[in-house]
Amino acid sequence: MWIPKIEEAQGPIYLAIADALETDISEGVLAQGDRLPPQRELAYQLGVTLGTITRAYGEAERRRLVKGETGRGTYVAPETHKVSPLIPKEGEPEVCDLARNFAYPHLNPSLSEGLVRMARTAGIDRLNGFVPSEGLKAHRETGVLVFKDYGLDADPERVAVTCGAQHGIQVTCQALFRSGDAIAIDRFTYPSIFPSLASIGLKPVPVPALVREDGGFGAMDPLALAQAARLHGVKGVFLMPNMQNPTTHTMSVTERENLVDVAREHDLKIVEDDPYTPFLPETLPAFGALAPERTASIASISKVCSPGSRIGFVHVPELFGDSIRNKIGESTWMASPITAELIAGWVREGLLFKTLRLKRAANRVRFRQAQEILSPYFLQGDTHKVFGWLRLPEHVDADAVQATLGHQRISVLSARYFQSREHAQAPYLRLTFGSEESDERYFKALEIVRATIDQLAELPELGRPVG
């Protein structure tokens, strides 16, 4: 029976157990497929609570060290993992996609016209070589223009060009934190943040949200964030202030200021990621404007006009300028100056804003139709949000809804994809509005979603989670 050596460990016991597990796997004490002790038995052997072991195994699963199987136990995970359902596959079977948030790609600017314009640009050949890791000044100034939509007057000297927002999150967290640091995140959050933090040795600490008057989710609870700082020693917080993924909530100015107060009181660094901000009708102050001394801001135009370009921007406090340049250089040397120039041209020509107008108009129609078809179920969102957070009846299992719809060739994502595994199943689905090009197919899919939920709601014994 595996017993972790934690006698000399400092800090939370559950983290010490997860750390010991990681060490024993790396040193060959535990091998792929080895079964870990039952949680109650290990709790007894160590003289700790069952809840401590549950949290330890949950932390180990987030690090992809172990895999739990209902009815069989917990095993050391294989080195390879299934591909995320969010990642598209070439030649995959056609489904009506309400799962992946591609935000109306059929309305993106013409790539061929953009490439023709680039080919006629004087001095274009200079882009076919190495450039500084932070990007050329002209491209960083494009980032400044993009950040204006985010409520941030960015300094081009503190802007760096990245290979999209995902890369931006990775290098920013590497620049601001040290391996082993704990980072506060929303209880429901962007799915890729879990593997991203784990891959660089950071430990996510889920924090609950406030509840709005309409019963929907609000901003991260500032009192709960303060408690996480005291109990877990979190060093920073990852936030999506505009169109939070998946709940859609956009923070009020007061909500932002309250979180800034907590960050200053506990000396927390802030990472704000807002890929959907340009879709919103009003510009609210970014955390980078409210707390510039401790905030790193991430922007991307992937959802607006060009995911294929893989161009994003980060804006960091001056203290971390060299660190962010180094992390970009270590990961990929530089973002492509060729695609950065493509984006810069679209911004200069106003195509970015023309594209936004088209997508906003399409989204108004899609959201209103979703709200009508899915009534009486509560759909958190509005006409400016490119996805919705659908609340199911309490006894209906979101995974059962997802699986049932999958058999009908409609893809959705249950709440499970947006939370840590230690949390109980939550009765929510995220539905995206813009990945499916056909209005007819989209509306038909919504009707099937509604019918499926109705059916499971009428059969509660089939709608409850099993095991």
Foldseek 3Di string as FASTA:
>chain_A
DDAFDCPPPDAQPLVSLLVSLVVCDVVVVFDFFDFDDPLVVNCVVVVHDSVSSLSSVLQNVLLVQWDADPPPHITGHDPDDDDDPQDDDPPDDAFAEQAHFQQAQVLFDDPVVLVVVLVPDPPSCVLVDADFAQFDLLLLVVQCVQCVLQQDNFDSLQKGKFLAQLRVVLLVCVLPDAAQAEEEEAQFADLVVSNSCSVRRYHYDHAYFDADPVRAGEFGDLVRVLVCCVRVVHQAYEEAQALTPPRGYHHDPVSLVSNVVSCVVSVHAYEYEHALSNLDPDHDHDNCRVPVQRYKYKYGCSSQHNNPLSIIMIGHRPVRRVSSSVSSCVPPNHRRNSSSVSVSVCVVVVVSVVSSVVSLVQQQVQVVLLPVLQPPWDWRHHSSHQKTKTAAPFLAQQVVLQVVLVVVRYHWAASVSRRRPSDDGGRIIMTGRHPRDDPVSSSVSSNVSNVSSVVCVVVSVVRHDDD
